Amino acid sequence: MRTAKISAQKPTKKNRITIDESTLPTFEKVRVLKAHLVFVLSDAREIKIPLEWTQHIKDLSPDLRRKAQIIGTGLHAYWEAADEYIGVKNVLFGQKLFI
C-alpha cells in the first residue's frame, strides 16, 4: 500500500498543501447507488460521496451515471454525458470537485 506524502507547511493564501500524486491510490471502479457515488480505490478502500456534491452527475439518468470512465493513470473518473471529472484528491481530501 502506498501512502500519500503531504507537505508539512501550514496552508495560507501563498502556499497550499502539496500532494505527491505518484503516492496516491488510483480509482479501480466507480459504483452508483441511488443517492451516492462509491469510489473503489487500488488500496482496497471504498469512499462514498453524495450525488448532491455534483449536480451535473446527479442530473444524469441512472444509466448515464453508471457510465463513468477511469481515465489517464487512474487518478480521475469522467462522465462524458455531463462533461464532469472527479479526481482521487477530491475524494480523499475533500477538495472542491471539478466543474
Protein backbone atom coordinates (compact mmCIF):
# COMPACT_ATOMS: atom_id res chain seq x y z
CA MET A 1 0.00 0.00 0.00
CA ARG A 2 1.28 3.47 -0.90
CA THR A 3 0.95 6.41 1.46
CA ALA A 4 0.28 9.91 0.15
CA LYS A 5 3.02 12.36 1.06
CA ILE A 6 1.73 15.74 2.17
CA SER A 7 3.97 18.70 2.90
CA ALA A 8 4.12 19.93 6.49
CA GLN A 9 3.65 23.59 5.58
CA LYS A 10 0.64 25.30 7.08
CA PRO A 11 -1.65 26.28 4.18
CA THR A 12 -2.02 30.01 3.57
CA LYS A 13 -3.08 32.11 0.62
CA LYS A 14 0.52 31.95 -0.64
CA ASN A 15 1.11 28.25 -0.12
CA ARG A 16 -1.14 25.26 -0.19
CA ILE A 17 -0.64 21.69 0.89
CA THR A 18 1.03 19.85 -1.95
CA ILE A 19 0.45 16.19 -2.62
CA ASP A 20 2.83 13.89 -4.46
CA GLU A 21 0.37 12.30 -6.89
CA SER A 22 2.66 9.34 -7.51
CA THR A 23 1.88 8.16 -3.98
CA LEU A 24 -1.91 8.36 -4.28
CA PRO A 25 -4.09 5.28 -4.75
CA THR A 26 -5.94 5.14 -8.04
CA PHE A 27 -9.56 4.55 -8.93
CA GLU A 28 -10.31 0.92 -9.75
CA LYS A 29 -14.07 1.23 -10.16
CA VAL A 30 -16.98 3.61 -9.64
CA ARG A 31 -20.29 2.25 -8.39
CA VAL A 32 -23.51 4.22 -8.41
CA LEU A 33 -26.10 3.97 -5.64
CA LYS A 34 -29.42 5.78 -5.55
CA ALA A 35 -28.03 8.90 -3.85
CA HIS A 36 -24.25 8.28 -3.78
CA LEU A 37 -21.18 7.52 -5.85
CA VAL A 38 -18.84 4.87 -4.45
CA PHE A 39 -15.20 5.02 -5.50
CA VAL A 40 -13.23 1.79 -5.16
CA LEU A 41 -9.52 2.57 -4.74
CA SER A 42 -6.46 0.50 -5.57
CA ASP A 43 -5.62 0.23 -1.85
CA ALA A 44 -8.99 -1.54 -1.24
CA ARG A 45 -10.72 1.47 0.32
CA GLU A 46 -14.22 2.40 -0.77
CA ILE A 47 -15.26 6.02 -0.39
CA LYS A 48 -18.85 7.12 -0.77
CA ILE A 49 -19.83 10.69 -1.66
CA PRO A 50 -23.35 12.08 -2.01
CA LEU A 51 -24.60 12.88 -5.50
CA GLU A 52 -25.58 16.27 -4.07
CA TRP A 53 -21.89 17.21 -4.30
CA THR A 54 -22.02 17.12 -8.09
CA GLN A 55 -25.17 18.50 -9.64
CA HIS A 56 -24.03 17.63 -13.19
CA ILE A 57 -23.84 13.91 -12.43
CA LYS A 58 -26.92 13.99 -10.21
CA ASP A 59 -28.93 15.37 -13.14
CA LEU A 60 -27.99 12.40 -15.38
CA SER A 61 -30.24 9.39 -15.79
CA PRO A 62 -29.23 6.36 -13.70
CA ASP A 63 -27.93 4.64 -16.86
CA LEU A 64 -25.68 7.59 -17.74
CA ARG A 65 -24.43 7.87 -14.13
CA ARG A 66 -23.14 4.31 -14.41
CA LYS A 67 -21.02 5.23 -17.45
CA ALA A 68 -18.08 6.61 -15.51
CA GLN A 69 -14.73 6.10 -17.20
CA ILE A 70 -11.49 5.77 -15.24
CA ILE A 71 -9.06 7.87 -17.26
CA GLY A 72 -5.35 8.53 -17.54
CA THR A 73 -3.34 6.93 -14.80
CA GLY A 74 -6.47 6.20 -12.75
CA LEU A 75 -6.43 9.49 -10.85
CA HIS A 76 -9.70 10.71 -12.40
CA ALA A 77 -13.17 9.44 -13.20
CA TYR A 78 -15.00 11.06 -16.10
CA TRP A 79 -18.67 11.20 -17.08
CA GLU A 80 -18.84 12.12 -20.76
CA ALA A 81 -22.59 12.88 -20.73
CA ALA A 82 -22.06 15.52 -18.02
CA ASP A 83 -18.52 16.52 -19.08
CA GLU A 84 -17.62 16.07 -15.38
CA TYR A 85 -14.36 14.90 -13.79
CA ILE A 86 -13.80 13.79 -10.20
CA GLY A 87 -10.26 13.20 -9.01
CA VAL A 88 -8.78 10.97 -6.34
CA LYS A 89 -7.66 14.09 -4.43
CA ASN A 90 -11.25 15.37 -4.43
CA VAL A 91 -12.48 12.13 -2.90
CA LEU A 92 -9.64 11.61 -0.42
CA PHE A 93 -9.09 15.14 0.80
CA GLY A 94 -12.48 16.76 0.24
CA GLN A 95 -11.11 19.21 -2.28
CA LYS A 96 -13.63 21.02 -4.43
CA LEU A 97 -14.92 18.90 -7.27
CA PHE A 98 -14.05 19.86 -10.81
CA ILE A 99 -16.91 21.57 -12.58
